[in-house]
Amino acid sequence: MIELVAFLGNYGEQYADTRHNAPWLFADSLPFADRLSWSSKFKAEYASAENIVPGVERKIHFIKPLTYMNLSGDAISEAAHFFKITPDRVLVIHDEIELPPGTLSLKFGGGLGGHNGLRSTKEKLGTADFWRIRLGIGKCTDGNVASYVLGHFSSDEKILLSQMFGPASELLTKVLSAKDPSNLLKEWSKKKVIPEVSK
């Protein structure tokens, strides 16, 4: 069961609509977003709620780390340790350049794909065995990955992103509802939720 959900991103107005911040944009789009009252805690924006999805009575904790992407693990580990949440009950939602726009993926453990937020999380939790929802943002084509992920979404990309948020919300709801999210891995392994997308 998932008890802590971390939306990775970078703090600051200049990063608001950048590709790295897709998870924060997703958090703001959630059907239950208006039920989350955010406050500063654990080096993050923090909120919690009970009965956030149908059939789930337990309290679920949500954070948006304010440490910038490369130190995301500081906030995640601080919250996890405070609430005594083990890594296998942590869900990290992050942007993924290895997936095309319109593609979602649920993953447990494994490689980090060069993602600095995941690297920091592994370092601070002491393991890579935590859950991830990966939001596809497409590959960098010029080799400058840092510039790409810190770049702003184009108008077309914003449309694709907004279309992806509905299915992503469905996936998040299923993960939070599941006693064992591994039952969802097969269905949600690199699932293209906007079939007409090609890049």
N, C-alpha and C. Protein backbone atom coordinates (compact mmCIF):
# COMPACT_ATOMS: atom_id res chain seq x y z
N MET A 1 0.84 -1.20 0.00
CA MET A 1 0.00 0.00 0.00
C MET A 1 0.87 1.25 0.00
N ILE A 2 0.49 2.20 -0.80
CA ILE A 2 1.23 3.46 -0.88
C ILE A 2 0.75 4.39 0.24
N GLU A 3 1.71 5.00 0.94
CA GLU A 3 1.38 5.94 2.00
C GLU A 3 1.93 7.33 1.75
N LEU A 4 2.98 7.44 0.92
CA LEU A 4 3.60 8.74 0.63
C LEU A 4 3.75 8.90 -0.87
N VAL A 5 3.24 10.01 -1.39
CA VAL A 5 3.34 10.32 -2.82
C VAL A 5 4.17 11.59 -2.97
N ALA A 6 5.23 11.52 -3.78
CA ALA A 6 6.10 12.67 -4.01
C ALA A 6 6.02 13.09 -5.47
N PHE A 7 5.66 14.34 -5.71
CA PHE A 7 5.65 14.90 -7.06
C PHE A 7 6.95 15.67 -7.24
N LEU A 8 7.83 15.20 -8.12
CA LEU A 8 9.13 15.85 -8.29
C LEU A 8 9.00 17.10 -9.17
N GLY A 9 9.83 18.08 -8.87
CA GLY A 9 9.82 19.31 -9.66
C GLY A 9 10.83 20.29 -9.10
N ASN A 10 10.87 21.47 -9.69
CA ASN A 10 11.75 22.54 -9.24
C ASN A 10 10.94 23.72 -8.76
N TYR A 11 11.35 24.27 -7.64
CA TYR A 11 10.65 25.40 -7.04
C TYR A 11 11.03 26.70 -7.75
N GLY A 12 10.07 27.58 -7.93
CA GLY A 12 10.35 28.89 -8.50
C GLY A 12 9.53 29.14 -9.76
N GLU A 13 9.12 30.39 -9.91
CA GLU A 13 8.25 30.75 -11.04
C GLU A 13 8.90 30.46 -12.39
N GLN A 14 10.22 30.60 -12.45
CA GLN A 14 10.91 30.38 -13.73
C GLN A 14 10.85 28.94 -14.20
N TYR A 15 10.53 28.01 -13.28
CA TYR A 15 10.47 26.59 -13.63
C TYR A 15 9.04 26.08 -13.77
N ALA A 16 8.07 26.95 -13.58
CA ALA A 16 6.68 26.51 -13.43
C ALA A 16 6.19 25.65 -14.59
N ASP A 17 6.47 26.05 -15.82
CA ASP A 17 5.95 25.32 -16.99
C ASP A 17 7.04 24.57 -17.73
N THR A 18 8.07 24.15 -17.02
CA THR A 18 9.15 23.40 -17.67
C THR A 18 8.85 21.91 -17.64
N ARG A 19 9.54 21.17 -18.49
CA ARG A 19 9.27 19.73 -18.62
C ARG A 19 9.54 18.97 -17.33
N HIS A 20 10.57 19.39 -16.58
CA HIS A 20 10.87 18.73 -15.31
C HIS A 20 9.72 18.87 -14.32
N ASN A 21 8.88 19.89 -14.52
CA ASN A 21 7.81 20.15 -13.57
C ASN A 21 6.47 19.54 -13.97
N ALA A 22 6.49 18.63 -14.93
CA ALA A 22 5.26 17.95 -15.33
C ALA A 22 4.52 17.35 -14.12
N PRO A 23 5.23 16.75 -13.15
CA PRO A 23 4.52 16.18 -11.99
C PRO A 23 3.79 17.23 -11.15
N TRP A 24 4.35 18.42 -11.02
CA TRP A 24 3.67 19.46 -10.25
C TRP A 24 2.42 19.92 -10.99
N LEU A 25 2.52 20.04 -12.30
CA LEU A 25 1.34 20.40 -13.10
C LEU A 25 0.28 19.32 -12.97
N PHE A 26 0.72 18.07 -12.96
CA PHE A 26 -0.20 16.95 -12.78
C PHE A 26 -0.89 17.02 -11.41
N ALA A 27 -0.12 17.30 -10.37
CA ALA A 27 -0.68 17.39 -9.01
C ALA A 27 -1.80 18.43 -8.96
N ASP A 28 -1.57 19.56 -9.62
CA ASP A 28 -2.57 20.63 -9.60
C ASP A 28 -3.82 20.28 -10.40
N SER A 29 -3.73 19.28 -11.28
CA SER A 29 -4.85 18.90 -12.13
C SER A 29 -5.71 17.79 -11.53
N LEU A 30 -5.27 17.19 -10.43
CA LEU A 30 -5.97 16.03 -9.87
C LEU A 30 -7.39 16.36 -9.45
N PRO A 31 -8.31 15.42 -9.60
CA PRO A 31 -9.70 15.67 -9.22
C PRO A 31 -9.86 16.04 -7.75
N PHE A 32 -8.93 15.57 -6.92
CA PHE A 32 -9.03 15.87 -5.49
C PHE A 32 -8.06 16.98 -5.06
N ALA A 33 -7.52 17.73 -6.05
CA ALA A 33 -6.54 18.76 -5.73
C ALA A 33 -7.07 19.80 -4.76
N ASP A 34 -8.36 20.11 -4.87
CA ASP A 34 -8.94 21.13 -3.99
C ASP A 34 -9.09 20.65 -2.55
N ARG A 35 -8.88 19.36 -2.31
CA ARG A 35 -8.96 18.81 -0.96
C ARG A 35 -7.60 18.80 -0.26
N LEU A 36 -6.56 19.17 -1.00
CA LEU A 36 -5.22 19.16 -0.44
C LEU A 36 -4.84 20.57 0.00
N SER A 37 -4.59 20.73 1.27
CA SER A 37 -4.19 22.02 1.82
C SER A 37 -2.69 21.97 2.08
N TRP A 38 -1.93 22.64 1.21
CA TRP A 38 -0.47 22.55 1.25
C TRP A 38 0.12 23.51 2.28
N SER A 39 1.15 23.04 2.98
CA SER A 39 1.91 23.88 3.90
C SER A 39 3.37 23.48 3.83
N SER A 40 4.25 24.31 4.36
CA SER A 40 5.69 24.03 4.29
C SER A 40 6.11 23.09 5.41
N LYS A 41 6.68 21.95 5.03
CA LYS A 41 7.11 20.95 6.00
C LYS A 41 8.01 19.95 5.28
N PHE A 42 8.98 19.41 5.97
CA PHE A 42 9.87 18.39 5.40
C PHE A 42 10.65 18.92 4.18
N LYS A 43 11.02 20.19 4.17
CA LYS A 43 11.71 20.79 3.03
C LYS A 43 10.86 20.65 1.77
N ALA A 44 9.56 20.75 1.94
CA ALA A 44 8.62 20.51 0.84
C ALA A 44 7.31 21.24 1.11
N GLU A 45 6.50 21.29 0.08
CA GLU A 45 5.09 21.58 0.27
C GLU A 45 4.44 20.25 0.65
N TYR A 46 3.69 20.25 1.74
CA TYR A 46 3.16 19.01 2.28
C TYR A 46 1.65 19.10 2.46
N ALA A 47 0.96 18.00 2.16
CA ALA A 47 -0.48 17.90 2.41
C ALA A 47 -0.80 16.45 2.72
N SER A 48 -1.91 16.23 3.41
CA SER A 48 -2.36 14.87 3.67
C SER A 48 -3.88 14.86 3.66
N ALA A 49 -4.43 13.69 3.42
CA ALA A 49 -5.88 13.56 3.39
C ALA A 49 -6.27 12.10 3.58
N GLU A 50 -7.44 11.92 4.17
CA GLU A 50 -8.03 10.59 4.29
C GLU A 50 -9.17 10.48 3.28
N ASN A 51 -9.52 9.25 2.91
CA ASN A 51 -10.61 9.02 1.96
C ASN A 51 -10.43 9.82 0.67
N ILE A 52 -9.17 9.91 0.22
CA ILE A 52 -8.87 10.73 -0.95
C ILE A 52 -9.34 10.07 -2.24
N VAL A 53 -9.40 8.75 -2.23
CA VAL A 53 -9.96 8.01 -3.36
C VAL A 53 -10.95 7.00 -2.80
N PRO A 54 -11.96 6.61 -3.58
CA PRO A 54 -13.00 5.70 -3.09
C PRO A 54 -12.42 4.40 -2.54
N GLY A 55 -12.88 4.02 -1.36
CA GLY A 55 -12.47 2.76 -0.77
C GLY A 55 -11.16 2.81 0.01
N VAL A 56 -10.50 3.98 0.02
CA VAL A 56 -9.22 4.10 0.72
C VAL A 56 -9.41 5.04 1.91
N GLU A 57 -9.52 4.45 3.10
CA GLU A 57 -9.81 5.24 4.29
C GLU A 57 -8.54 5.77 4.96
N ARG A 58 -7.40 5.13 4.70
CA ARG A 58 -6.17 5.53 5.39
C ARG A 58 -5.70 6.92 4.95
N LYS A 59 -4.90 7.53 5.79
CA LYS A 59 -4.32 8.83 5.46
C LYS A 59 -3.18 8.64 4.46
N ILE A 60 -3.16 9.47 3.44
CA ILE A 60 -2.09 9.46 2.46
C ILE A 60 -1.39 10.81 2.50
N HIS A 61 -0.08 10.78 2.49
CA HIS A 61 0.74 11.98 2.57
C HIS A 61 1.26 12.35 1.17
N PHE A 62 1.25 13.63 0.88
CA PHE A 62 1.70 14.13 -0.42
C PHE A 62 2.76 15.21 -0.20
N ILE A 63 3.81 15.19 -1.01
CA ILE A 63 4.81 16.25 -0.94
C ILE A 63 5.24 16.69 -2.33
N LYS A 64 5.62 17.97 -2.41
CA LYS A 64 6.32 18.54 -3.55
C LYS A 64 7.64 19.07 -3.00
N PRO A 65 8.74 18.34 -3.18
CA PRO A 65 10.02 18.78 -2.62
C PRO A 65 10.40 20.18 -3.10
N LEU A 66 10.89 21.00 -2.17
CA LEU A 66 11.31 22.36 -2.48
C LEU A 66 12.83 22.49 -2.49
N THR A 67 13.50 21.35 -2.62
CA THR A 67 14.97 21.31 -2.55
C THR A 67 15.61 21.41 -3.93
N TYR A 68 14.80 21.62 -4.95
CA TYR A 68 15.20 21.49 -6.35
C TYR A 68 15.44 20.01 -6.66
N MET A 69 15.35 19.69 -7.95
CA MET A 69 15.30 18.30 -8.38
C MET A 69 16.45 17.45 -7.85
N ASN A 70 17.68 17.98 -7.90
CA ASN A 70 18.85 17.17 -7.57
C ASN A 70 18.92 16.73 -6.11
N LEU A 71 18.12 17.36 -5.24
CA LEU A 71 18.12 17.02 -3.82
C LEU A 71 16.73 16.55 -3.37
N SER A 72 15.94 16.06 -4.28
CA SER A 72 14.58 15.63 -3.96
C SER A 72 14.54 14.62 -2.84
N GLY A 73 15.54 13.77 -2.77
CA GLY A 73 15.57 12.72 -1.76
C GLY A 73 15.59 13.25 -0.34
N ASP A 74 16.12 14.47 -0.14
CA ASP A 74 16.15 15.05 1.20
C ASP A 74 14.74 15.15 1.77
N ALA A 75 13.84 15.73 0.98
CA ALA A 75 12.46 15.91 1.43
C ALA A 75 11.73 14.58 1.56
N ILE A 76 11.92 13.71 0.58
CA ILE A 76 11.22 12.43 0.58
C ILE A 76 11.63 11.59 1.78
N SER A 77 12.93 11.51 2.04
CA SER A 77 13.40 10.70 3.17
C SER A 77 12.98 11.29 4.50
N GLU A 78 12.97 12.63 4.59
CA GLU A 78 12.57 13.28 5.85
C GLU A 78 11.11 12.96 6.18
N ALA A 79 10.24 13.05 5.16
CA ALA A 79 8.83 12.73 5.38
C ALA A 79 8.65 11.24 5.67
N ALA A 80 9.33 10.40 4.92
CA ALA A 80 9.21 8.95 5.12
C ALA A 80 9.67 8.54 6.52
N HIS A 81 10.76 9.10 6.97
CA HIS A 81 11.27 8.75 8.30
C HIS A 81 10.33 9.26 9.40
N PHE A 82 9.81 10.46 9.22
CA PHE A 82 8.92 11.03 10.23
C PHE A 82 7.68 10.16 10.43
N PHE A 83 7.10 9.69 9.31
CA PHE A 83 5.87 8.91 9.39
C PHE A 83 6.14 7.40 9.44
N LYS A 84 7.43 7.03 9.48
CA LYS A 84 7.83 5.61 9.54
C LYS A 84 7.27 4.83 8.34
N ILE A 85 7.47 5.42 7.16
CA ILE A 85 7.01 4.80 5.92
C ILE A 85 8.19 4.14 5.22
N THR A 86 8.07 2.88 4.93
CA THR A 86 9.15 2.15 4.27
C THR A 86 9.19 2.49 2.78
N PRO A 87 10.37 2.36 2.14
CA PRO A 87 10.50 2.73 0.73
C PRO A 87 9.49 2.06 -0.20
N ASP A 88 9.09 0.82 0.11
CA ASP A 88 8.16 0.12 -0.77
C ASP A 88 6.73 0.67 -0.67
N ARG A 89 6.53 1.67 0.21
CA ARG A 89 5.23 2.35 0.32
C ARG A 89 5.33 3.80 -0.12
N VAL A 90 6.42 4.11 -0.82
CA VAL A 90 6.64 5.45 -1.37
C VAL A 90 6.42 5.41 -2.88
N LEU A 91 5.68 6.40 -3.38
CA LEU A 91 5.44 6.54 -4.81
C LEU A 91 6.01 7.88 -5.27
N VAL A 92 6.92 7.84 -6.23
CA VAL A 92 7.53 9.05 -6.79
C VAL A 92 6.98 9.25 -8.19
N ILE A 93 6.46 10.43 -8.45
CA ILE A 93 5.93 10.76 -9.78
C ILE A 93 6.91 11.72 -10.44
N HIS A 94 7.41 11.33 -11.62
CA HIS A 94 8.47 12.11 -12.25
C HIS A 94 8.33 12.15 -13.76
N ASP A 95 8.98 13.13 -14.38
CA ASP A 95 9.04 13.22 -15.83
C ASP A 95 10.00 12.16 -16.35
N GLU A 96 9.78 11.71 -17.58
CA GLU A 96 10.60 10.64 -18.14
C GLU A 96 10.91 10.91 -19.61
N ILE A 97 12.17 11.18 -19.92
CA ILE A 97 12.55 11.47 -21.31
C ILE A 97 12.62 10.21 -22.16
N GLU A 98 12.66 9.05 -21.52
CA GLU A 98 12.72 7.80 -22.28
C GLU A 98 11.35 7.34 -22.76
N LEU A 99 10.31 8.07 -22.40
CA LEU A 99 8.96 7.75 -22.86
C LEU A 99 8.43 8.90 -23.71
N PRO A 100 7.78 8.61 -24.83
CA PRO A 100 7.23 9.67 -25.66
C PRO A 100 6.06 10.36 -24.98
N PRO A 101 5.76 11.59 -25.37
CA PRO A 101 4.58 12.27 -24.81
C PRO A 101 3.33 11.42 -25.02
N GLY A 102 2.48 11.41 -24.02
CA GLY A 102 1.27 10.61 -24.12
C GLY A 102 1.43 9.20 -23.62
N THR A 103 2.59 8.89 -23.05
CA THR A 103 2.86 7.54 -22.53
C THR A 103 3.09 7.60 -21.03
N LEU A 104 2.49 6.66 -20.32
CA LEU A 104 2.64 6.54 -18.87
C LEU A 104 3.26 5.19 -18.54
N SER A 105 3.92 5.13 -17.41
CA SER A 105 4.48 3.85 -17.00
C SER A 105 4.52 3.77 -15.47
N LEU A 106 4.09 2.62 -14.96
CA LEU A 106 4.24 2.31 -13.54
C LEU A 106 5.43 1.38 -13.39
N LYS A 107 6.27 1.67 -12.43
CA LYS A 107 7.50 0.90 -12.27
C LYS A 107 7.83 0.76 -10.79
N PHE A 108 8.45 -0.36 -10.44
CA PHE A 108 8.96 -0.55 -9.09
C PHE A 108 10.43 -0.89 -9.15
N GLY A 109 11.25 -0.08 -8.47
CA GLY A 109 12.68 -0.35 -8.43
C GLY A 109 13.33 -0.22 -9.80
N GLY A 110 14.48 -0.85 -9.95
CA GLY A 110 15.19 -0.83 -11.21
C GLY A 110 16.07 0.39 -11.38
N GLY A 111 16.48 0.61 -12.64
CA GLY A 111 17.39 1.70 -12.96
C GLY A 111 16.78 3.07 -12.79
N LEU A 112 17.64 4.08 -12.80
CA LEU A 112 17.21 5.45 -12.56
C LEU A 112 17.17 6.28 -13.84
N GLY A 113 17.69 5.72 -14.92
CA GLY A 113 17.62 6.41 -16.22
C GLY A 113 18.30 7.77 -16.24
N GLY A 114 19.27 7.99 -15.36
CA GLY A 114 19.96 9.27 -15.34
C GLY A 114 19.17 10.40 -14.72
N HIS A 115 18.03 10.09 -14.11
CA HIS A 115 17.18 11.13 -13.53
C HIS A 115 17.72 11.52 -12.15
N ASN A 116 18.12 12.77 -12.01
CA ASN A 116 18.77 13.20 -10.78
C ASN A 116 17.84 13.16 -9.56
N GLY A 117 16.56 13.40 -9.78
CA GLY A 117 15.61 13.31 -8.68
C GLY A 117 15.51 11.89 -8.14
N LEU A 118 15.50 10.92 -9.04
CA LEU A 118 15.47 9.52 -8.63
C LEU A 118 16.78 9.11 -7.97
N ARG A 119 17.89 9.61 -8.51
CA ARG A 119 19.20 9.29 -7.93
C ARG A 119 19.27 9.77 -6.47
N SER A 120 18.83 11.00 -6.25
CA SER A 120 18.82 11.56 -4.90
C SER A 120 17.91 10.75 -3.97
N THR A 121 16.76 10.34 -4.49
CA THR A 121 15.82 9.56 -3.69
C THR A 121 16.42 8.22 -3.30
N LYS A 122 17.08 7.57 -4.24
CA LYS A 122 17.74 6.30 -3.93
C LYS A 122 18.81 6.48 -2.87
N GLU A 123 19.60 7.55 -3.01
CA GLU A 123 20.68 7.79 -2.04
C GLU A 123 20.13 7.99 -0.63
N LYS A 124 19.05 8.75 -0.51
CA LYS A 124 18.53 9.09 0.81
C LYS A 124 17.69 7.97 1.42
N LEU A 125 17.00 7.20 0.58
CA LEU A 125 16.21 6.08 1.10
C LEU A 125 17.07 4.83 1.30
N GLY A 126 18.24 4.82 0.64
CA GLY A 126 19.13 3.68 0.76
C GLY A 126 18.78 2.52 -0.14
N THR A 127 17.85 2.75 -1.06
CA THR A 127 17.41 1.70 -1.98
C THR A 127 16.68 2.32 -3.15
N ALA A 128 16.68 1.61 -4.27
CA ALA A 128 15.89 2.03 -5.44
C ALA A 128 14.53 1.36 -5.45
N ASP A 129 14.24 0.57 -4.43
CA ASP A 129 12.99 -0.18 -4.38
C ASP A 129 11.84 0.65 -3.85
N PHE A 130 11.47 1.66 -4.64
CA PHE A 130 10.28 2.45 -4.38
C PHE A 130 9.49 2.52 -5.68
N TRP A 131 8.23 2.89 -5.58
CA TRP A 131 7.35 2.94 -6.75
C TRP A 131 7.53 4.24 -7.52
N ARG A 132 7.31 4.17 -8.84
CA ARG A 132 7.37 5.38 -9.67
C ARG A 132 6.22 5.38 -10.67
N ILE A 133 5.63 6.53 -10.89
CA ILE A 133 4.79 6.78 -12.06
C ILE A 133 5.58 7.71 -12.96
N ARG A 134 5.81 7.26 -14.18
CA ARG A 134 6.65 7.99 -15.12
C ARG A 134 5.76 8.69 -16.15
N LEU A 135 5.93 9.99 -16.27
CA LEU A 135 5.16 10.80 -17.23
C LEU A 135 6.04 11.09 -18.45
N GLY A 136 5.67 10.53 -19.59
CA GLY A 136 6.50 10.70 -20.78
C GLY A 136 6.53 12.14 -21.27
N ILE A 137 7.74 12.67 -21.46
CA ILE A 137 7.89 14.03 -22.02
C ILE A 137 8.68 14.02 -23.32
N GLY A 138 9.13 12.85 -23.76
CA GLY A 138 9.84 12.75 -25.03
C GLY A 138 11.33 12.94 -24.89
N LYS A 139 12.06 12.41 -25.88
CA LYS A 139 13.51 12.44 -25.87
C LYS A 139 14.07 13.82 -26.22
N CYS A 140 15.22 14.10 -25.66
CA CYS A 140 16.01 15.27 -26.06
C CYS A 140 16.69 14.93 -27.38
N THR A 141 16.60 15.80 -28.36
CA THR A 141 17.15 15.48 -29.69
C THR A 141 18.50 16.13 -29.97
N ASP A 142 18.91 17.10 -29.15
CA ASP A 142 20.17 17.79 -29.44
C ASP A 142 21.30 17.43 -28.48
N GLY A 143 21.04 16.47 -27.58
CA GLY A 143 22.08 16.03 -26.66
C GLY A 143 22.20 16.84 -25.38
N ASN A 144 21.54 17.98 -25.31
CA ASN A 144 21.61 18.82 -24.11
C ASN A 144 20.40 18.53 -23.23
N VAL A 145 20.52 17.46 -22.44
CA VAL A 145 19.39 16.99 -21.64
C VAL A 145 18.97 18.03 -20.60
N ALA A 146 19.95 18.65 -19.94
CA ALA A 146 19.63 19.63 -18.90
C ALA A 146 18.81 20.78 -19.47
N SER A 147 19.22 21.27 -20.62
CA SER A 147 18.49 22.37 -21.25
C SER A 147 17.09 21.93 -21.65
N TYR A 148 16.97 20.69 -22.09
CA TYR A 148 15.67 20.17 -22.54
C TYR A 148 14.69 20.05 -21.38
N VAL A 149 15.11 19.41 -20.28
CA VAL A 149 14.16 19.19 -19.18
C VAL A 149 13.84 20.49 -18.44
N LEU A 150 14.74 21.47 -18.53
CA LEU A 150 14.48 22.76 -17.91
C LEU A 150 13.84 23.75 -18.89
N GLY A 151 13.60 23.27 -20.11
CA GLY A 151 12.94 24.09 -21.11
C GLY A 151 11.43 24.07 -20.93
N HIS A 152 10.78 25.08 -21.48
CA HIS A 152 9.33 25.21 -21.34
C HIS A 152 8.61 24.35 -22.38
N PHE A 153 7.44 23.86 -22.00
CA PHE A 153 6.61 23.10 -22.92
C PHE A 153 6.16 23.99 -24.07
N SER A 154 6.15 23.43 -25.26
CA SER A 154 5.56 24.14 -26.39
C SER A 154 4.03 24.08 -26.26
N SER A 155 3.35 24.84 -27.07
CA SER A 155 1.87 24.83 -27.01
C SER A 155 1.32 23.45 -27.29
N ASP A 156 1.89 22.76 -28.30
CA ASP A 156 1.43 21.41 -28.63
C ASP A 156 1.71 20.43 -27.48
N GLU A 157 2.87 20.59 -26.86
CA GLU A 157 3.22 19.70 -25.74
C GLU A 157 2.28 19.91 -24.56
N LYS A 158 1.87 21.14 -24.33
CA LYS A 158 0.94 21.42 -23.23
C LYS A 158 -0.40 20.72 -23.46
N ILE A 159 -0.83 20.69 -24.72
CA ILE A 159 -2.09 20.02 -25.05
C ILE A 159 -1.97 18.52 -24.78
N LEU A 160 -0.86 17.92 -25.23
CA LEU A 160 -0.64 16.49 -25.01
C LEU A 160 -0.56 16.18 -23.52
N LEU A 161 0.12 17.06 -22.79
CA LEU A 161 0.27 16.85 -21.36
C LEU A 161 -1.09 16.86 -20.67
N SER A 162 -1.92 17.83 -21.02
CA SER A 162 -3.25 17.92 -20.39
C SER A 162 -4.09 16.70 -20.74
N GLN A 163 -3.92 16.16 -21.95
CA GLN A 163 -4.66 14.96 -22.34
C GLN A 163 -4.17 13.73 -21.58
N MET A 164 -2.93 13.75 -21.17
CA MET A 164 -2.34 12.62 -20.45
C MET A 164 -2.75 12.61 -18.98
N PHE A 165 -3.12 13.76 -18.44
CA PHE A 165 -3.38 13.86 -17.00
C PHE A 165 -4.60 13.06 -16.55
N GLY A 166 -5.62 12.94 -17.40
CA GLY A 166 -6.78 12.14 -17.04
C GLY A 166 -6.42 10.68 -16.79
N PRO A 167 -5.78 10.02 -17.77
CA PRO A 167 -5.34 8.64 -17.54
C PRO A 167 -4.33 8.52 -16.41
N ALA A 168 -3.47 9.54 -16.24
CA ALA A 168 -2.50 9.49 -15.14
C ALA A 168 -3.20 9.53 -13.79
N SER A 169 -4.28 10.30 -13.71
CA SER A 169 -5.08 10.36 -12.49
C SER A 169 -5.74 9.00 -12.23
N GLU A 170 -6.21 8.37 -13.30
CA GLU A 170 -6.79 7.02 -13.17
C GLU A 170 -5.76 6.05 -12.63
N LEU A 171 -4.54 6.13 -13.16
CA LEU A 171 -3.47 5.24 -12.70
C LEU A 171 -3.15 5.52 -11.23
N LEU A 172 -3.02 6.78 -10.86
CA LEU A 172 -2.72 7.12 -9.48
C LEU A 172 -3.80 6.59 -8.54
N THR A 173 -5.05 6.74 -8.92
CA THR A 173 -6.15 6.25 -8.10
C THR A 173 -6.06 4.74 -7.92
N LYS A 174 -5.74 4.03 -8.99
CA LYS A 174 -5.62 2.57 -8.91
C LYS A 174 -4.46 2.16 -8.02
N VAL A 175 -3.35 2.88 -8.11
CA VAL A 175 -2.19 2.56 -7.29
C VAL A 175 -2.50 2.80 -5.81
N LEU A 176 -3.15 3.91 -5.51
CA LEU A 176 -3.48 4.22 -4.12
C LEU A 176 -4.51 3.25 -3.55
N SER A 177 -5.36 2.71 -4.42
CA SER A 177 -6.40 1.79 -3.98
C SER A 177 -5.89 0.36 -3.81
N ALA A 178 -4.77 0.06 -4.43
CA ALA A 178 -4.29 -1.32 -4.46
C ALA A 178 -3.54 -1.71 -3.20
N LYS A 179 -3.84 -2.87 -2.67
CA LYS A 179 -3.04 -3.41 -1.57
C LYS A 179 -1.67 -3.82 -2.09
N ASP A 180 -1.64 -4.29 -3.33
CA ASP A 180 -0.38 -4.69 -3.97
C ASP A 180 -0.34 -4.09 -5.38
N PRO A 181 0.31 -2.93 -5.56
CA PRO A 181 0.34 -2.28 -6.87
C PRO A 181 1.01 -3.11 -7.97
N SER A 182 1.75 -4.15 -7.58
CA SER A 182 2.42 -4.95 -8.60
C SER A 182 1.43 -5.60 -9.55
N ASN A 183 0.19 -5.76 -9.12
CA ASN A 183 -0.83 -6.32 -10.00
C ASN A 183 -1.16 -5.39 -11.17
N LEU A 184 -0.71 -4.13 -11.08
CA LEU A 184 -0.99 -3.15 -12.13
C LEU A 184 0.17 -3.02 -13.12
N LEU A 185 1.30 -3.64 -12.82
CA LEU A 185 2.51 -3.41 -13.60
C LEU A 185 2.34 -3.82 -15.07
N LYS A 186 1.71 -4.95 -15.31
CA LYS A 186 1.60 -5.44 -16.69
C LYS A 186 0.76 -4.48 -17.54
N GLU A 187 -0.38 -4.06 -17.01
CA GLU A 187 -1.27 -3.18 -17.77
C GLU A 187 -0.64 -1.81 -18.02
N TRP A 188 0.12 -1.32 -17.04
CA TRP A 188 0.62 0.05 -17.10
C TRP A 188 2.11 0.12 -17.37
N SER A 189 2.63 -0.86 -18.07
CA SER A 189 4.03 -0.80 -18.47
C SER A 189 4.14 -0.08 -19.81
N LYS A 190 4.61 1.15 -19.77
CA LYS A 190 4.76 1.97 -20.99
C LYS A 190 3.46 2.00 -21.79
N LYS A 191 2.41 2.43 -21.12
CA LYS A 191 1.09 2.45 -21.74
C LYS A 191 0.87 3.77 -22.47
N LYS A 192 0.64 3.68 -23.78
CA LYS A 192 0.37 4.88 -24.57
C LYS A 192 -1.10 5.24 -24.39
N VAL A 193 -1.35 6.34 -23.73
CA VAL A 193 -2.73 6.72 -23.40
C VAL A 193 -3.29 7.74 -24.41
N ILE A 194 -2.43 8.21 -25.31
CA ILE A 194 -2.88 9.06 -26.41
C ILE A 194 -2.37 8.41 -27.69
N PRO A 195 -3.09 7.43 -28.22
CA PRO A 195 -2.58 6.58 -29.30
C PRO A 195 -2.11 7.33 -30.54
N GLU A 196 -2.72 8.49 -30.81
CA GLU A 196 -2.36 9.19 -32.05
C GLU A 196 -1.03 9.93 -31.94
N VAL A 197 -0.45 9.97 -30.74
CA VAL A 197 0.81 10.69 -30.56
C VAL A 197 1.94 9.94 -31.23
N SER A 198 2.75 10.64 -31.97
CA SER A 198 3.95 10.05 -32.54
C SER A 198 5.04 11.10 -32.52
N LYS A 199 6.25 10.68 -32.10
CA LYS A 199 7.36 11.63 -32.03
C LYS A 199 8.66 10.88 -32.16
